[in-house]
Amino acid sequence: MLNDREHPHRDRRTRDEDLFRRFLDGLQDEEVRFEAEYHKETTTIDEAVYNVVTLMQTRAGFEGERGH
């Protein structure tokens, strides 16, 4: 919503690309960032967030199994 106020004349596709780039820039885990950017085909920011959360949960599950 803030992005829409800042750039009111951008089309939806450009807005989604900007949000996706900002989201990726905020990720601290380099592996997750790489996976989200290059291995997943996302069309919306919601899909990108879902894919990253799923990937992080999956990785946490595998790391937990290795520890036992």
Protein backbone atom coordinates (compact mmCIF):
# COMPACT_ATOMS: atom_id res chain seq x y z
CA MET A 1 0.00 0.00 0.00
CA LEU A 2 2.84 2.38 0.82
CA ASN A 3 4.52 1.52 -2.45
CA ASP A 4 1.32 2.45 -4.32
CA ARG A 5 1.26 5.83 -2.60
CA GLU A 6 4.91 6.43 -3.36
CA HIS A 7 4.53 5.52 -7.06
CA PRO A 8 0.87 6.00 -8.01
CA HIS A 9 1.39 5.77 -11.79
CA ARG A 10 3.16 2.41 -11.95
CA ASP A 11 1.33 -0.53 -13.42
CA ARG A 12 0.69 -3.66 -11.37
CA ARG A 13 3.43 -5.71 -13.00
CA THR A 14 6.12 -3.13 -12.25
CA ARG A 15 4.80 -2.77 -8.71
CA ASP A 16 5.00 -6.54 -8.16
CA GLU A 17 8.53 -6.66 -9.54
CA ASP A 18 9.59 -3.84 -7.21
CA LEU A 19 8.02 -5.54 -4.18
CA PHE A 20 9.62 -8.86 -5.10
CA ARG A 21 13.06 -7.23 -5.41
CA ARG A 22 12.66 -5.48 -2.05
CA PHE A 23 11.56 -8.74 -0.47
CA LEU A 24 14.60 -10.58 -1.84
CA ASP A 25 16.93 -7.80 -0.75
CA GLY A 26 15.62 -8.20 2.80
CA LEU A 27 16.33 -11.93 3.02
CA GLN A 28 19.42 -12.66 5.09
CA ASP A 29 19.78 -16.31 4.10
CA GLU A 30 21.74 -16.33 0.84
CA GLU A 31 20.66 -19.87 -0.13
CA VAL A 32 16.99 -19.09 0.33
CA ARG A 33 17.38 -15.86 -1.63
CA PHE A 34 19.04 -17.73 -4.49
CA GLU A 35 16.32 -20.40 -4.54
CA ALA A 36 13.55 -17.82 -4.48
CA GLU A 37 15.10 -15.72 -7.21
CA TYR A 38 16.38 -18.32 -9.66
CA HIS A 39 14.55 -21.59 -9.06
CA LYS A 40 10.97 -20.54 -8.39
CA GLU A 41 8.75 -18.93 -10.98
CA THR A 42 6.69 -16.44 -8.99
CA THR A 43 4.21 -13.99 -10.39
CA THR A 44 3.15 -12.19 -7.20
CA ILE A 45 4.74 -11.14 -3.96
CA ASP A 46 2.34 -13.47 -2.11
CA GLU A 47 3.71 -16.46 -4.04
CA ALA A 48 7.27 -15.38 -3.29
CA VAL A 49 6.58 -15.14 0.45
CA TYR A 50 4.81 -18.51 0.42
CA ASN A 51 7.69 -20.18 -1.45
CA VAL A 52 10.33 -18.74 0.90
CA VAL A 53 8.43 -19.72 4.04
CA THR A 54 7.86 -23.23 2.70
CA LEU A 55 11.52 -23.60 1.76
CA MET A 56 12.67 -22.39 5.18
CA GLN A 57 10.30 -24.78 6.96
CA THR A 58 11.42 -27.68 4.79
CA ARG A 59 15.08 -26.94 5.44
CA ALA A 60 14.45 -26.61 9.19
CA GLY A 61 12.74 -30.01 9.16
CA PHE A 62 15.67 -31.69 7.41
CA GLU A 63 18.22 -30.03 9.68
CA GLY A 64 16.25 -31.17 12.73
CA GLU A 65 16.20 -34.76 11.50
CA ARG A 66 19.96 -34.77 10.99
CA GLY A 67 20.51 -33.62 14.56
CA HIS A 68 18.78 -36.65 16.08
